[in-house]
C-alpha atoms as a PDB file:
ATOM      1  CA  MET A   1      50.370  47.185  68.994  1.00  0.00           C
ATOM      2  CA  PRO A   2      53.420  45.240  70.266  1.00  0.00           C
ATOM      3  CA  CYS A   3      51.163  43.290  72.647  1.00  0.00           C
ATOM      4  CA  ALA A   4      48.975  42.152  69.749  1.00  0.00           C
ATOM      5  CA  ARG A   5      52.043  40.651  68.054  1.00  0.00           C
ATOM      6  CA  LEU A   6      53.064  38.814  71.213  1.00  0.00           C
ATOM      7  CA  ARG A   7      49.709  37.044  71.594  1.00  0.00           C
ATOM      8  CA  VAL A   8      50.051  34.924  68.489  1.00  0.00           C
ATOM      9  CA  PRO A   9      53.512  33.540  69.314  1.00  0.00           C
ATOM     10  CA  ALA A  10      52.426  32.918  72.921  1.00  0.00           C
ATOM     11  CA  ARG A  11      49.364  31.026  71.688  1.00  0.00           C
ATOM     12  CA  VAL A  12      51.462  29.070  69.223  1.00  0.00           C
ATOM     13  CA  ALA A  13      54.002  28.292  71.956  1.00  0.00           C
ATOM     14  CA  PHE A  14      51.205  27.117  74.249  1.00  0.00           C
ATOM     15  CA  LEU A  15      49.778  24.815  71.561  1.00  0.00           C
ATOM     16  CA  TRP A  16      53.241  23.516  70.736  1.00  0.00           C
ATOM     17  CA  ASN A  17      53.813  22.694  74.430  1.00  0.00           C
ATOM     18  CA  LEU A  18      50.498  20.825  74.562  1.00  0.00           C
ATOM     19  CA  LEU A  19      51.487  18.840  71.461  1.00  0.00           C
ATOM     20  CA  GLU A  20      54.886  18.048  72.941  1.00  0.00           C
ATOM     21  CA  ILE A  21      53.285  16.846  76.181  1.00  0.00           C
ATOM     22  CA  GLU A  22      50.844  14.673  74.212  1.00  0.00           C
ATOM     23  CA  MET A  23      53.689  13.176  72.159  1.00  0.00           C
ATOM     24  CA  LYS A  24      55.646  12.269  75.313  1.00  0.00           C
ATOM     25  CA  LYS A  25      52.594  10.709  76.937  1.00  0.00           C
ATOM     26  CA  GLN A  26      52.489   6.979  77.366  1.00  0.00           C
ATOM     27  CA  THR A  27      49.496   4.829  78.209  1.00  0.00           C
ATOM     28  CA  LEU A  28      49.602   1.377  79.706  1.00  0.00           C
ATOM     29  CA  ASP A  29      46.820  -1.169  79.520  1.00  0.00           C
ATOM     30  CA  TYR A  30      46.306  -4.910  79.362  1.00  0.00           C
ATOM     31  CA  ASP A  31      45.088  -6.927  76.400  1.00  0.00           C
ATOM     32  CA  GLY A  32      44.504 -10.270  78.095  1.00  0.00           C
ATOM     33  CA  SER A  33      47.875 -11.244  79.565  1.00  0.00           C
ATOM     34  CA  VAL A  34      49.750  -8.768  77.357  1.00  0.00           C
ATOM     35  CA  LEU A  35      50.763  -5.414  78.819  1.00  0.00           C
ATOM     36  CA  VAL A  36      50.613  -2.792  76.058  1.00  0.00           C
ATOM     37  CA  VAL A  37      52.614   0.443  76.429  1.00  0.00           C
ATOM     38  CA  LYS A  38      51.579   3.026  73.821  1.00  0.00           C
ATOM     39  CA  TYR A  39      53.363   6.288  73.062  1.00  0.00           C
ATOM     40  CA  GLY A  40      52.030   9.536  71.594  1.00  0.00           C
ATOM     41  CA  ASN A  41      53.543   8.842  68.172  1.00  0.00           C
ATOM     42  CA  GLY A  42      51.775   5.478  67.797  1.00  0.00           C
ATOM     43  CA  THR A  43      54.763   3.321  68.772  1.00  0.00           C
ATOM     44  CA  GLU A  44      53.975   0.579  71.226  1.00  0.00           C
ATOM     45  CA  PHE A  45      55.656  -2.082  73.332  1.00  0.00           C
ATOM     46  CA  ARG A  46      53.865  -5.357  74.040  1.00  0.00           C
ATOM     47  CA  GLY A  47      54.984  -7.688  76.814  1.00  0.00           C
ATOM     48  CA  ASP A  48      53.242 -10.996  77.494  1.00  0.00           C
ATOM     49  CA  THR A  49      53.114 -11.445  81.266  1.00  0.00           C
ATOM     50  CA  SER A  50      52.640 -15.208  80.855  1.00  0.00           C
ATOM     51  CA  ALA A  51      56.291 -15.326  79.712  1.00  0.00           C
ATOM     52  CA  LEU A  52      57.496 -13.869  83.025  1.00  0.00           C
ATOM     53  CA  PRO A  53      58.766 -16.297  85.686  1.00  0.00           C
ATOM     54  CA  GLN A  54      56.798 -16.529  88.941  1.00  0.00           C
ATOM     55  CA  SER A  55      59.727 -14.996  90.810  1.00  0.00           C
ATOM     56  CA  ALA A  56      58.987 -11.747  88.948  1.00  0.00           C
ATOM     57  CA  PHE A  57      55.230 -11.846  88.412  1.00  0.00           C
ATOM     58  CA  VAL A  58      52.220 -13.730  89.787  1.00  0.00           C
ATOM     59  CA  ASP A  59      49.101 -12.712  87.870  1.00  0.00           C
ATOM     60  CA  CYS A  60      46.755 -10.818  90.176  1.00  0.00           C
ATOM     61  CA  ALA A  61      45.315  -7.303  90.257  1.00  0.00           C
ATOM     62  CA  ALA A  62      48.037  -5.967  92.566  1.00  0.00           C
ATOM     63  CA  ALA A  63      50.845  -7.418  90.445  1.00  0.00           C
ATOM     64  CA  ARG A  64      49.280  -6.045  87.262  1.00  0.00           C
ATOM     65  CA  HIS A  65      49.091  -2.606  88.854  1.00  0.00           C
ATOM     66  CA  GLY A  66      52.705  -2.856  90.076  1.00  0.00           C
ATOM     67  CA  LEU A  67      53.938  -3.857  86.633  1.00  0.00           C
ATOM     68  CA  LYS A  68      52.110  -0.933  85.017  1.00  0.00           C
ATOM     69  CA  GLN A  69      53.625   1.389  87.619  1.00  0.00           C
ATOM     70  CA  LYS A  70      57.139  -0.008  87.116  1.00  0.00           C
ATOM     71  CA  LEU A  71      57.061   0.378  83.340  1.00  0.00           C
ATOM     72  CA  GLY A  72      55.160   3.662  83.499  1.00  0.00           C
ATOM     73  CA  ASP A  73      57.882   5.220  85.633  1.00  0.00           C
ATOM     74  CA  ALA A  74      60.597   4.252  83.131  1.00  0.00           C
ATOM     75  CA  LYS A  75      62.547   7.395  82.204  1.00  0.00           C
ATOM     76  CA  SER A  76      59.754   9.636  83.420  1.00  0.00           C
ATOM     77  CA  GLY A  77      60.068  12.978  81.667  1.00  0.00           C
ATOM     78  CA  GLY A  78      62.373  11.548  79.020  1.00  0.00           C
ATOM     79  CA  THR A  79      61.852  11.358  75.290  1.00  0.00           C
ATOM     80  CA  MET A  80      59.768   8.604  73.748  1.00  0.00           C
ATOM     81  CA  ALA A  81      62.947   6.886  72.547  1.00  0.00           C
ATOM     82  CA  GLU A  82      64.426   6.977  76.055  1.00  0.00           C
ATOM     83  CA  LYS A  83      61.209   5.703  77.612  1.00  0.00           C
ATOM     84  CA  LEU A  84      60.869   2.838  75.130  1.00  0.00           C
ATOM     85  CA  ALA A  85      64.511   1.827  75.563  1.00  0.00           C
ATOM     86  CA  GLU A  86      64.095   1.837  79.342  1.00  0.00           C
ATOM     87  CA  VAL A  87      60.865  -0.211  79.161  1.00  0.00           C
ATOM     88  CA  LYS A  88      62.650  -2.808  77.011  1.00  0.00           C
ATOM     89  CA  LEU A  89      65.566  -3.002  79.463  1.00  0.00           C
ATOM     90  CA  ILE A  90      63.248  -3.410  82.441  1.00  0.00           C
ATOM     91  CA  TRP A  91      61.266  -6.079  80.590  1.00  0.00           C
ATOM     92  CA  SER A  92      64.419  -8.046  79.732  1.00  0.00           C
ATOM     93  CA  ASN A  93      65.355  -7.946  83.437  1.00  0.00           C
ATOM     94  CA  LEU A  94      61.893  -9.207  84.378  1.00  0.00           C
ATOM     95  CA  LEU A  95      62.211 -12.101  81.917  1.00  0.00           C
ATOM     96  CA  THR A  96      65.224 -13.294  83.942  1.00  0.00           C
ATOM     97  CA  GLY A  97      63.144 -13.114  87.136  1.00  0.00           C
ATOM     98  CA  ASP A  98      64.826  -9.960  88.407  1.00  0.00           C
ATOM     99  CA  TRP A  99      62.132  -7.531  89.621  1.00  0.00           C
ATOM    100  CA  ASN A 100      64.466  -5.360  91.706  1.00  0.00           C
ATOM    101  CA  ARG A 101      67.014  -4.541  89.045  1.00  0.00           C
ATOM    102  CA  LYS A 102      66.558  -1.132  87.460  1.00  0.00           C
ATOM    103  CA  GLY A 103      66.320  -0.925  83.696  1.00  0.00           C
ATOM    104  CA  GLU A 104      69.382   1.215  83.272  1.00  0.00           C
ATOM    105  CA  ALA A 105      71.962   0.172  80.702  1.00  0.00           C
ATOM    106  CA  SER A 106      75.569   1.137  81.055  1.00  0.00           C
ATOM    107  CA  GLY A 107      78.065   2.604  78.656  1.00  0.00           C
ATOM    108  CA  THR A 108      77.404   3.552  75.074  1.00  0.00           C
ATOM    109  CA  GLU A 109      74.375   1.270  74.669  1.00  0.00           C
ATOM    110  CA  SER A 110      72.378   3.335  77.166  1.00  0.00           C
ATOM    111  CA  LEU A 111      73.143   6.533  75.248  1.00  0.00           C
ATOM    112  CA  MET A 112      71.974   5.319  71.847  1.00  0.00           C
ATOM    113  CA  PRO A 113      68.388   6.620  72.189  1.00  0.00           C
ATOM    114  CA  GLU A 114      69.811  10.119  72.726  1.00  0.00           C
ATOM    115  CA  VAL A 115      72.363   9.630  69.934  1.00  0.00           C
ATOM    116  CA  PHE A 116      69.597   8.769  67.481  1.00  0.00           C
ATOM    117  CA  VAL A 117      67.579  11.833  68.552  1.00  0.00           C
ATOM    118  CA  VAL A 118      70.663  13.993  67.817  1.00  0.00           C
ATOM    119  CA  LEU A 119      71.217  12.280  64.448  1.00  0.00           C
ATOM    120  CA  ALA A 120      67.535  12.727  63.564  1.00  0.00           C
ATOM    121  CA  GLY A 121      67.702  16.446  64.308  1.00  0.00           C
ATOM    122  CA  GLY A 122      65.203  16.086  67.169  1.00  0.00           C
ATOM    123  CA  ASP A 123      62.695  14.025  65.150  1.00  0.00           C
ATOM    124  CA  GLU A 124      61.730  11.486  67.831  1.00  0.00           C
ATOM    125  CA  GLU A 125      59.700   9.295  65.489  1.00  0.00           C
ATOM    126  CA  LYS A 126      62.685   8.897  63.177  1.00  0.00           C
ATOM    127  CA  ALA A 127      64.916   8.254  66.200  1.00  0.00           C
ATOM    128  CA  MET A 128      62.504   5.546  67.450  1.00  0.00           C
ATOM    129  CA  ASN A 129      62.656   3.812  64.073  1.00  0.00           C
ATOM    130  CA  TRP A 130      66.444   3.876  64.147  1.00  0.00           C
ATOM    131  CA  LEU A 131      66.464   2.589  67.729  1.00  0.00           C
ATOM    132  CA  GLU A 132      64.289  -0.372  66.715  1.00  0.00           C
ATOM    133  CA  LYS A 133      66.705  -1.165  63.858  1.00  0.00           C
ATOM    134  CA  TRP A 134      69.634  -0.818  66.260  1.00  0.00           C
ATOM    135  CA  GLU A 135      68.098  -3.274  68.711  1.00  0.00           C
ATOM    136  CA  GLY A 136      67.725  -5.833  65.932  1.00  0.00           C
ATOM    137  CA  LEU A 137      71.433  -5.713  65.060  1.00  0.00           C
ATOM    138  CA  SER A 138      74.020  -8.252  66.113  1.00  0.00           C
ATOM    139  CA  ALA A 139      76.978  -7.090  68.220  1.00  0.00           C
ATOM    140  CA  GLU A 140      79.032  -6.861  65.028  1.00  0.00           C
ATOM    141  CA  GLY A 141      76.341  -4.786  63.324  1.00  0.00           C
ATOM    142  CA  LYS A 142      76.253  -2.417  66.290  1.00  0.00           C
ATOM    143  CA  GLU A 143      80.036  -2.042  66.073  1.00  0.00           C
ATOM    144  CA  VAL A 144      79.774  -1.118  62.379  1.00  0.00           C
ATOM    145  CA  VAL A 145      77.089   1.502  63.065  1.00  0.00           C
ATOM    146  CA  SER A 146      78.957   2.858  66.109  1.00  0.00           C
ATOM    147  CA  ALA A 147      82.119   3.304  64.022  1.00  0.00           C
ATOM    148  CA  LYS A 148      80.431   5.681  61.562  1.00  0.00           C
ATOM    149  CA  PRO A 149      81.798   9.235  61.934  1.00  0.00           C
ATOM    150  CA  ASP A 150      78.368  10.856  62.319  1.00  0.00           C
ATOM    151  CA  VAL A 151      77.373   8.367  65.021  1.00  0.00           C
ATOM    152  CA  LYS A 152      80.671   8.935  66.856  1.00  0.00           C
ATOM    153  CA  ALA A 153      80.160  12.706  66.686  1.00  0.00           C
ATOM    154  CA  ALA A 154      76.588  12.439  67.984  1.00  0.00           C
ATOM    155  CA  LEU A 155      77.753  10.171  70.826  1.00  0.00           C
ATOM    156  CA  GLN A 156      80.426  12.690  71.816  1.00  0.00           C
ATOM    157  CA  LYS A 157      77.804  15.477  71.748  1.00  0.00           C
ATOM    158  CA  VAL A 158      75.474  13.476  74.009  1.00  0.00           C
ATOM    159  CA  LYS A 159      78.318  12.745  76.441  1.00  0.00           C
ATOM    160  CA  ALA A 160      79.398  16.399  76.447  1.00  0.00           C
ATOM    161  CA  ASP A 161      75.820  17.588  76.971  1.00  0.00           C
ATOM    162  CA  ARG A 162      75.387  15.182  79.877  1.00  0.00           C
ATOM    163  CA  LYS A 163      78.659  16.275  81.426  1.00  0.00           C
ATOM    164  CA  LEU A 164      77.650  19.958  81.147  1.00  0.00           C
ATOM    165  CA  ALA A 165      74.285  19.133  82.718  1.00  0.00           C
ATOM    166  CA  GLY A 166      76.060  17.355  85.588  1.00  0.00           C
ATOM    167  CA  MET A 167      74.406  14.035  84.776  1.00  0.00           C
ATOM    168  CA  ASP A 168      75.904  10.822  86.076  1.00  0.00           C
ATOM    169  CA  MET A 169      78.071   9.049  83.530  1.00  0.00           C
ATOM    170  CA  ASP A 170      79.162   5.442  83.622  1.00  0.00           C
ATOM    171  CA  GLU A 171      82.676   5.578  85.051  1.00  0.00           C
ATOM    172  CA  ALA A 172      83.419   1.858  84.765  1.00  0.00           C
ATOM    173  CA  ASP A 173      85.816   2.543  81.849  1.00  0.00           C
ATOM    174  CA  PRO A 174      87.552   5.933  82.116  1.00  0.00           C
ATOM    175  CA  PHE A 175      89.213   5.406  78.714  1.00  0.00           C
ATOM    176  CA  GLU A 176      85.962   4.886  76.817  1.00  0.00           C
ATOM    177  CA  MET A 177      85.777   7.295  73.910  1.00  0.00           C
END
């Protein structure tokens, strides 16, 4: 009888893993000159390639494929919030004509997708909504949000988790709290 009880949780776990994989999935396709990156929760990023300078993009099949590959590799294996944040950073670099620069932010700003996931209790859709609001804030608005005790606590948790996992941290400012 114990084996019969184990089958249901195993099946549920399997289905849950499939759902999680589907939610993390991203698809990339073109709508005319616009590259559309869609995520499993319905969120999407749209970047108009006609806005990119020629030093970063010349419209041809190979360049379109390369751009899809570059954005598709952004934070591979990460959460949807991390992937979207990385895609936006890479895109902003491309708008300046910088193809070679990686879309990695430094300091606290780069940790905010993870902070919002912590604050949302793991609800990535909620975290994505908060990340979009965050990105629309002025520097002063970001300072106000960052000063909130719950945000500070979540940031410290993310930093501690990364340190425990042996992940690289930005060491440009050793006194950053």
